[in-house]
């Protein structure tokens, strides 16, 4: 299953490293990543593949939320089908 992870927060050193480290620990593969800095705020969107993770979606969601909070950013993950339905015109 693929999902989209969004990370938003005040830019600082180590955000990408911390999030990618958590994905590594969860055995979640990064398929694509984009990021931008807008007025000192980082906005990052990551497409991930959850197929090989031994963790449930809810466990992954909780771990990423907690890691985000620990570094001062908001990290939210949505299943691809939900993300696509929300962004259709």
N, C-alpha and C. Protein backbone atom coordinates (compact mmCIF):
# COMPACT_ATOMS: atom_id res chain seq x y z
N UNK A 1 0.83 -1.17 0.00
CA UNK A 1 0.00 0.00 0.00
C UNK A 1 0.89 1.24 0.00
N UNK A 2 0.48 2.23 -0.78
CA UNK A 2 1.19 3.50 -0.80
C UNK A 2 0.42 4.51 0.04
N UNK A 3 1.17 5.50 0.53
CA UNK A 3 0.58 6.55 1.35
C UNK A 3 1.35 7.84 1.14
N UNK A 4 0.74 8.95 1.56
CA UNK A 4 1.38 10.25 1.50
C UNK A 4 1.61 10.75 2.91
N UNK A 5 2.84 11.15 3.15
CA UNK A 5 3.24 11.72 4.43
C UNK A 5 3.48 13.21 4.21
N UNK A 6 2.84 14.05 5.01
CA UNK A 6 3.10 15.48 4.94
C UNK A 6 3.76 15.91 6.24
N UNK A 7 4.78 16.76 6.10
CA UNK A 7 5.52 17.26 7.25
C UNK A 7 5.58 18.78 7.11
N UNK A 8 5.12 19.47 8.14
CA UNK A 8 5.09 20.93 8.12
C UNK A 8 5.59 21.46 9.46
N UNK A 9 6.46 22.45 9.38
CA UNK A 9 6.94 23.07 10.61
C UNK A 9 8.02 24.08 10.34
N UNK A 10 8.43 24.78 11.37
CA UNK A 10 9.50 25.76 11.27
C UNK A 10 10.77 25.04 10.84
N UNK A 11 11.42 25.55 9.82
CA UNK A 11 12.60 24.89 9.27
C UNK A 11 13.76 24.92 10.26
N UNK A 12 14.45 23.80 10.35
CA UNK A 12 15.66 23.69 11.16
C UNK A 12 16.44 22.47 10.69
N UNK A 13 17.66 22.39 11.10
CA UNK A 13 18.53 21.28 10.72
C UNK A 13 17.97 19.97 11.30
N UNK A 14 17.94 18.94 10.47
CA UNK A 14 17.64 17.59 10.94
C UNK A 14 16.24 17.07 10.72
N UNK A 15 15.35 17.88 10.18
CA UNK A 15 13.97 17.41 10.00
C UNK A 15 13.92 16.23 9.02
N UNK A 16 14.51 16.41 7.84
CA UNK A 16 14.48 15.34 6.83
C UNK A 16 15.18 14.09 7.37
N UNK A 17 16.29 14.29 8.06
CA UNK A 17 17.03 13.15 8.63
C UNK A 17 16.18 12.40 9.65
N UNK A 18 15.51 13.12 10.54
CA UNK A 18 14.71 12.48 11.58
C UNK A 18 13.53 11.71 10.99
N UNK A 19 12.85 12.31 10.03
CA UNK A 19 11.70 11.64 9.42
C UNK A 19 12.15 10.43 8.61
N UNK A 20 13.21 10.58 7.82
CA UNK A 20 13.68 9.43 7.03
C UNK A 20 14.22 8.33 7.94
N UNK A 21 14.82 8.69 9.07
CA UNK A 21 15.28 7.70 10.03
C UNK A 21 14.10 6.90 10.60
N UNK A 22 13.01 7.60 10.91
CA UNK A 22 11.83 6.90 11.44
C UNK A 22 11.24 5.97 10.39
N UNK A 23 11.20 6.43 9.14
CA UNK A 23 10.71 5.56 8.06
C UNK A 23 11.59 4.33 7.92
N UNK A 24 12.91 4.52 8.04
CA UNK A 24 13.84 3.39 7.99
C UNK A 24 13.54 2.39 9.11
N UNK A 25 13.35 2.88 10.32
CA UNK A 25 13.05 2.01 11.47
C UNK A 25 11.76 1.22 11.26
N UNK A 26 10.80 1.83 10.55
CA UNK A 26 9.51 1.18 10.29
C UNK A 26 9.54 0.30 9.04
N UNK A 27 10.69 0.27 8.35
CA UNK A 27 10.85 -0.45 7.09
C UNK A 27 9.86 0.04 6.04
N UNK A 28 9.74 1.36 5.97
CA UNK A 28 8.87 2.03 5.00
C UNK A 28 9.77 2.66 3.94
N UNK A 29 9.49 2.38 2.67
CA UNK A 29 10.30 2.87 1.57
C UNK A 29 9.80 4.22 1.06
N UNK A 30 10.74 5.15 0.84
CA UNK A 30 10.40 6.43 0.23
C UNK A 30 10.38 6.24 -1.29
N UNK A 31 9.23 6.52 -1.90
CA UNK A 31 9.06 6.39 -3.34
C UNK A 31 9.39 7.71 -4.04
N UNK A 32 8.92 8.80 -3.45
CA UNK A 32 9.16 10.13 -4.01
C UNK A 32 9.09 11.13 -2.87
N UNK A 33 9.81 12.23 -3.02
CA UNK A 33 9.84 13.25 -1.97
C UNK A 33 10.00 14.62 -2.61
N UNK A 34 9.27 15.58 -2.06
CA UNK A 34 9.42 16.97 -2.48
C UNK A 34 9.35 17.84 -1.24
N UNK A 35 10.08 18.91 -1.27
CA UNK A 35 10.04 19.82 -0.13
C UNK A 35 10.30 21.24 -0.60
N UNK A 36 9.83 22.17 0.18
CA UNK A 36 10.08 23.58 -0.10
C UNK A 36 10.13 24.33 1.22
N UNK A 37 10.82 25.44 1.19
CA UNK A 37 10.87 26.33 2.34
C UNK A 37 10.09 27.59 1.95
N UNK A 38 9.09 27.92 2.74
CA UNK A 38 8.30 29.12 2.50
C UNK A 38 8.32 29.96 3.78
N UNK A 39 8.98 31.11 3.70
CA UNK A 39 9.01 32.04 4.84
C UNK A 39 9.42 31.33 6.13
N UNK A 40 10.53 30.60 6.09
CA UNK A 40 11.10 29.88 7.24
C UNK A 40 10.32 28.64 7.66
N UNK A 41 9.36 28.20 6.87
CA UNK A 41 8.62 26.98 7.19
C UNK A 41 8.89 25.91 6.14
N UNK A 42 9.16 24.71 6.61
CA UNK A 42 9.38 23.57 5.74
C UNK A 42 8.04 22.92 5.44
N UNK A 43 7.81 22.64 4.17
CA UNK A 43 6.66 21.84 3.74
C UNK A 43 7.23 20.68 2.94
N UNK A 44 6.98 19.46 3.41
CA UNK A 44 7.53 18.28 2.74
C UNK A 44 6.39 17.28 2.50
N UNK A 45 6.36 16.74 1.31
CA UNK A 45 5.40 15.69 0.96
C UNK A 45 6.20 14.49 0.49
N UNK A 46 5.91 13.34 1.10
CA UNK A 46 6.65 12.12 0.81
C UNK A 46 5.67 11.02 0.43
N UNK A 47 5.86 10.43 -0.76
CA UNK A 47 5.08 9.25 -1.11
C UNK A 47 5.87 8.05 -0.61
N UNK A 48 5.20 7.19 0.15
CA UNK A 48 5.87 6.04 0.74
C UNK A 48 5.16 4.75 0.38
N UNK A 49 5.91 3.66 0.42
CA UNK A 49 5.38 2.32 0.18
C UNK A 49 5.46 1.57 1.50
N UNK A 50 4.31 1.12 2.00
CA UNK A 50 4.22 0.47 3.31
C UNK A 50 4.25 -1.06 3.22
N UNK A 51 4.33 -1.60 2.03
CA UNK A 51 4.18 -3.04 1.81
C UNK A 51 5.10 -3.91 2.67
N UNK A 52 6.34 -3.50 2.85
CA UNK A 52 7.30 -4.36 3.55
C UNK A 52 7.40 -4.07 5.05
N UNK A 53 6.63 -3.11 5.52
CA UNK A 53 6.68 -2.81 6.94
C UNK A 53 5.92 -3.86 7.74
N UNK A 54 6.51 -4.33 8.83
CA UNK A 54 5.80 -5.29 9.68
C UNK A 54 4.74 -4.61 10.57
N UNK A 55 4.71 -3.28 10.55
CA UNK A 55 3.80 -2.52 11.40
C UNK A 55 2.48 -2.25 10.68
N UNK A 56 1.42 -2.09 11.46
CA UNK A 56 0.12 -1.73 10.90
C UNK A 56 0.13 -0.25 10.52
N UNK A 57 -0.83 0.15 9.72
CA UNK A 57 -0.93 1.56 9.33
C UNK A 57 -1.05 2.44 10.57
N UNK A 58 -1.87 2.03 11.53
CA UNK A 58 -2.06 2.83 12.73
C UNK A 58 -0.77 2.95 13.55
N UNK A 59 0.02 1.88 13.61
CA UNK A 59 1.31 1.94 14.31
C UNK A 59 2.28 2.90 13.60
N UNK A 60 2.28 2.85 12.28
CA UNK A 60 3.14 3.74 11.49
C UNK A 60 2.70 5.19 11.71
N UNK A 61 1.40 5.42 11.65
CA UNK A 61 0.85 6.76 11.84
C UNK A 61 1.25 7.31 13.21
N UNK A 62 1.12 6.50 14.24
CA UNK A 62 1.46 6.92 15.60
C UNK A 62 2.95 7.22 15.74
N UNK A 63 3.78 6.36 15.19
CA UNK A 63 5.23 6.54 15.29
C UNK A 63 5.68 7.83 14.59
N UNK A 64 5.12 8.10 13.42
CA UNK A 64 5.49 9.31 12.69
C UNK A 64 4.98 10.57 13.39
N UNK A 65 3.78 10.49 13.94
CA UNK A 65 3.24 11.63 14.69
C UNK A 65 4.13 11.94 15.89
N UNK A 66 4.52 10.91 16.62
CA UNK A 66 5.36 11.10 17.80
C UNK A 66 6.74 11.63 17.43
N UNK A 67 7.32 11.10 16.36
CA UNK A 67 8.64 11.59 15.93
C UNK A 67 8.55 13.05 15.50
N UNK A 68 7.49 13.40 14.78
CA UNK A 68 7.29 14.78 14.38
C UNK A 68 7.18 15.70 15.59
N UNK A 69 6.38 15.30 16.55
CA UNK A 69 6.23 16.11 17.77
C UNK A 69 7.56 16.28 18.49
N UNK A 70 8.37 15.22 18.51
CA UNK A 70 9.65 15.26 19.20
C UNK A 70 10.61 16.28 18.57
N UNK A 71 10.46 16.53 17.27
CA UNK A 71 11.35 17.49 16.60
C UNK A 71 10.65 18.80 16.28
N UNK A 72 9.41 18.95 16.72
CA UNK A 72 8.71 20.22 16.57
C UNK A 72 8.03 20.46 15.25
N UNK A 73 7.62 19.39 14.56
CA UNK A 73 6.88 19.52 13.31
C UNK A 73 5.62 18.67 13.38
N UNK A 74 4.73 18.92 12.44
CA UNK A 74 3.52 18.11 12.33
C UNK A 74 3.72 17.11 11.20
N UNK A 75 3.59 15.83 11.51
CA UNK A 75 3.75 14.78 10.51
C UNK A 75 2.46 13.97 10.45
N UNK A 76 1.83 13.97 9.28
CA UNK A 76 0.57 13.25 9.08
C UNK A 76 0.70 12.34 7.87
N UNK A 77 0.14 11.16 7.98
CA UNK A 77 0.17 10.20 6.88
C UNK A 77 -1.26 9.82 6.51
N UNK A 78 -1.50 9.69 5.19
CA UNK A 78 -2.79 9.27 4.67
C UNK A 78 -2.59 8.19 3.63
N UNK A 79 -3.49 7.23 3.63
CA UNK A 79 -3.46 6.23 2.58
C UNK A 79 -3.66 6.91 1.22
N UNK A 80 -3.02 6.35 0.19
CA UNK A 80 -3.07 6.95 -1.15
C UNK A 80 -4.50 7.15 -1.64
N UNK A 81 -5.36 6.19 -1.43
CA UNK A 81 -6.72 6.31 -1.96
C UNK A 81 -7.49 7.44 -1.28
N UNK A 82 -7.26 7.66 -0.01
CA UNK A 82 -7.90 8.77 0.71
C UNK A 82 -7.35 10.10 0.20
N UNK A 83 -6.02 10.16 0.08
CA UNK A 83 -5.37 11.38 -0.41
C UNK A 83 -5.89 11.75 -1.80
N UNK A 84 -5.98 10.76 -2.68
CA UNK A 84 -6.45 11.02 -4.05
C UNK A 84 -7.90 11.50 -4.07
N UNK A 85 -8.76 10.91 -3.25
CA UNK A 85 -10.17 11.33 -3.21
C UNK A 85 -10.30 12.75 -2.67
N UNK A 86 -9.46 13.12 -1.71
CA UNK A 86 -9.53 14.45 -1.15
C UNK A 86 -9.04 15.52 -2.11
N UNK A 87 -8.19 15.14 -3.08
CA UNK A 87 -7.58 16.13 -3.97
C UNK A 87 -8.09 16.05 -5.41
N UNK A 88 -9.23 15.42 -5.60
CA UNK A 88 -9.85 15.40 -6.91
C UNK A 88 -10.76 16.59 -7.08
N UNK A 89 -10.82 17.08 -8.29
CA UNK A 89 -11.71 18.21 -8.57
C UNK A 89 -12.95 17.71 -9.28
